[in-house]
Amino acid sequence: MKYAIIDRPAAGTLQIIKRKAFDKRMQDMIDNSPRIESLGICQGSVLEVVVASDVAEKASDVLAGELNGTCPNHITCLVVMGSTAAVKSAMDSIRREMDAL
């Protein structure tokens, strides 16, 4: 699984996320939050992305949702949104869980 964290995401970056997300909660968070501090992005198999989503939301106060690539029938990435500390905690938990798989 590949991982990345973006601190202080730019407006254009958030618009890419919004456009690629089917999850209304993610779109609403981008539209209604004064500022999303950080994004965690994970790319892997469908199994890994689903497990990572569950781990992230149980580990800290973040919103996790899928991003779609060019073919909307495939889960390509998971985005974890929230405060910098919460995203880093969630991403650390995801890495630990993926190492155990």
Protein backbone atom coordinates (compact mmCIF):
# COMPACT_ATOMS: atom_id res chain seq x y z
CA MET A 1 0.00 0.00 0.00
CA LYS A 2 1.21 3.54 -0.80
CA TYR A 3 0.76 6.40 1.69
CA ALA A 4 1.00 10.19 1.61
CA ILE A 5 0.05 13.05 3.93
CA ILE A 6 -0.70 16.55 2.71
CA ASP A 7 -0.63 19.26 5.37
CA ARG A 8 -2.53 22.48 4.64
CA PRO A 9 -3.96 21.25 1.32
CA ALA A 10 -4.39 23.91 -1.34
CA ALA A 11 -7.83 24.89 -2.60
CA GLY A 12 -7.12 23.18 -5.93
CA THR A 13 -6.17 19.96 -4.17
CA LEU A 14 -9.42 20.00 -2.21
CA GLN A 15 -11.36 20.54 -5.44
CA ILE A 16 -9.72 17.45 -6.96
CA ILE A 17 -10.72 15.46 -3.88
CA LYS A 18 -14.26 16.84 -4.02
CA ARG A 19 -14.60 16.00 -7.72
CA LYS A 20 -13.29 12.44 -7.27
CA ALA A 21 -15.35 11.67 -4.14
CA PHE A 22 -18.84 10.21 -4.41
CA ASP A 23 -19.27 10.38 -0.63
CA LYS A 24 -21.52 13.35 0.13
CA ARG A 25 -20.01 13.63 3.63
CA MET A 26 -16.59 14.34 2.11
CA GLN A 27 -17.99 16.89 -0.33
CA ASP A 28 -19.87 18.61 2.51
CA MET A 29 -16.76 18.68 4.71
CA ILE A 30 -14.78 20.34 1.93
CA ASP A 31 -17.56 22.90 1.33
CA ASN A 32 -18.42 23.62 4.97
CA SER A 33 -15.21 23.29 6.97
CA PRO A 34 -13.36 26.53 7.53
CA ARG A 35 -10.11 24.71 6.77
CA ILE A 36 -9.19 21.07 6.43
CA GLU A 37 -5.79 20.89 8.12
CA SER A 38 -4.52 17.64 6.58
CA LEU A 39 -5.28 14.86 4.13
CA GLY A 40 -3.98 11.32 4.37
CA ILE A 41 -4.10 9.35 1.12
CA CYS A 42 -3.72 5.59 0.78
CA GLN A 43 -3.68 3.57 -2.42
CA GLY A 44 -3.96 -0.18 -2.48
CA SER A 45 -6.18 -3.14 -3.20
CA VAL A 46 -9.89 -3.04 -2.44
CA LEU A 47 -9.26 -5.14 0.69
CA GLU A 48 -6.55 -2.79 1.92
CA VAL A 49 -8.61 0.34 1.27
CA VAL A 50 -11.68 -0.99 3.11
CA VAL A 51 -9.61 -2.14 6.09
CA ALA A 52 -7.70 1.16 6.14
CA SER A 53 -10.96 3.12 6.20
CA ASP A 54 -12.23 1.17 9.18
CA VAL A 55 -8.92 1.50 11.03
CA ALA A 56 -8.71 5.26 10.38
CA GLU A 57 -12.16 6.15 11.66
CA LYS A 58 -11.74 3.95 14.75
CA ALA A 59 -8.29 5.35 15.52
CA SER A 60 -9.05 9.07 15.58
CA ASP A 61 -11.54 11.82 14.79
CA VAL A 62 -11.25 11.76 10.99
CA LEU A 63 -13.52 11.27 8.03
CA ALA A 64 -12.38 8.54 5.65
CA GLY A 65 -13.80 7.99 2.19
CA GLU A 66 -12.96 6.54 -1.18
CA LEU A 67 -11.77 8.38 -4.26
CA ASN A 68 -12.58 7.15 -7.70
CA GLY A 69 -10.17 7.08 -10.60
CA THR A 70 -11.03 7.11 -14.25
CA CYS A 71 -13.32 4.11 -13.86
CA PRO A 72 -15.84 4.86 -11.10
CA ASN A 73 -16.44 1.15 -10.42
CA HIS A 74 -13.02 0.70 -8.83
CA ILE A 75 -11.84 1.94 -5.45
CA THR A 76 -8.45 3.44 -6.13
CA CYS A 77 -7.65 5.52 -3.07
CA LEU A 78 -8.75 6.31 0.43
CA VAL A 79 -8.67 9.87 1.73
CA VAL A 80 -8.56 10.60 5.46
CA MET A 81 -9.51 14.21 6.33
CA GLY A 82 -9.26 16.12 9.58
CA SER A 83 -6.90 17.91 11.90
CA THR A 84 -3.18 17.39 11.42
CA ALA A 85 -2.83 15.37 14.64
CA ALA A 86 -5.88 13.22 13.90
CA VAL A 87 -4.79 12.45 10.33
CA LYS A 88 -1.26 11.55 11.44
CA SER A 89 -2.65 9.28 14.16
CA ALA A 90 -5.01 7.59 11.71
CA MET A 91 -2.26 7.10 9.12
CA ASP A 92 0.10 5.61 11.74
CA SER A 93 -2.66 3.18 12.73
CA ILE A 94 -3.27 2.25 9.09
CA ARG A 95 0.43 1.55 8.52
CA ARG A 96 0.60 -0.68 11.61
CA GLU A 97 -2.51 -2.61 10.53
CA MET A 98 -1.29 -3.05 6.95
CA ASP A 99 2.05 -4.37 8.22
CA ALA A 100 0.11 -7.02 10.18
CA LEU A 101 -1.89 -8.22 7.14
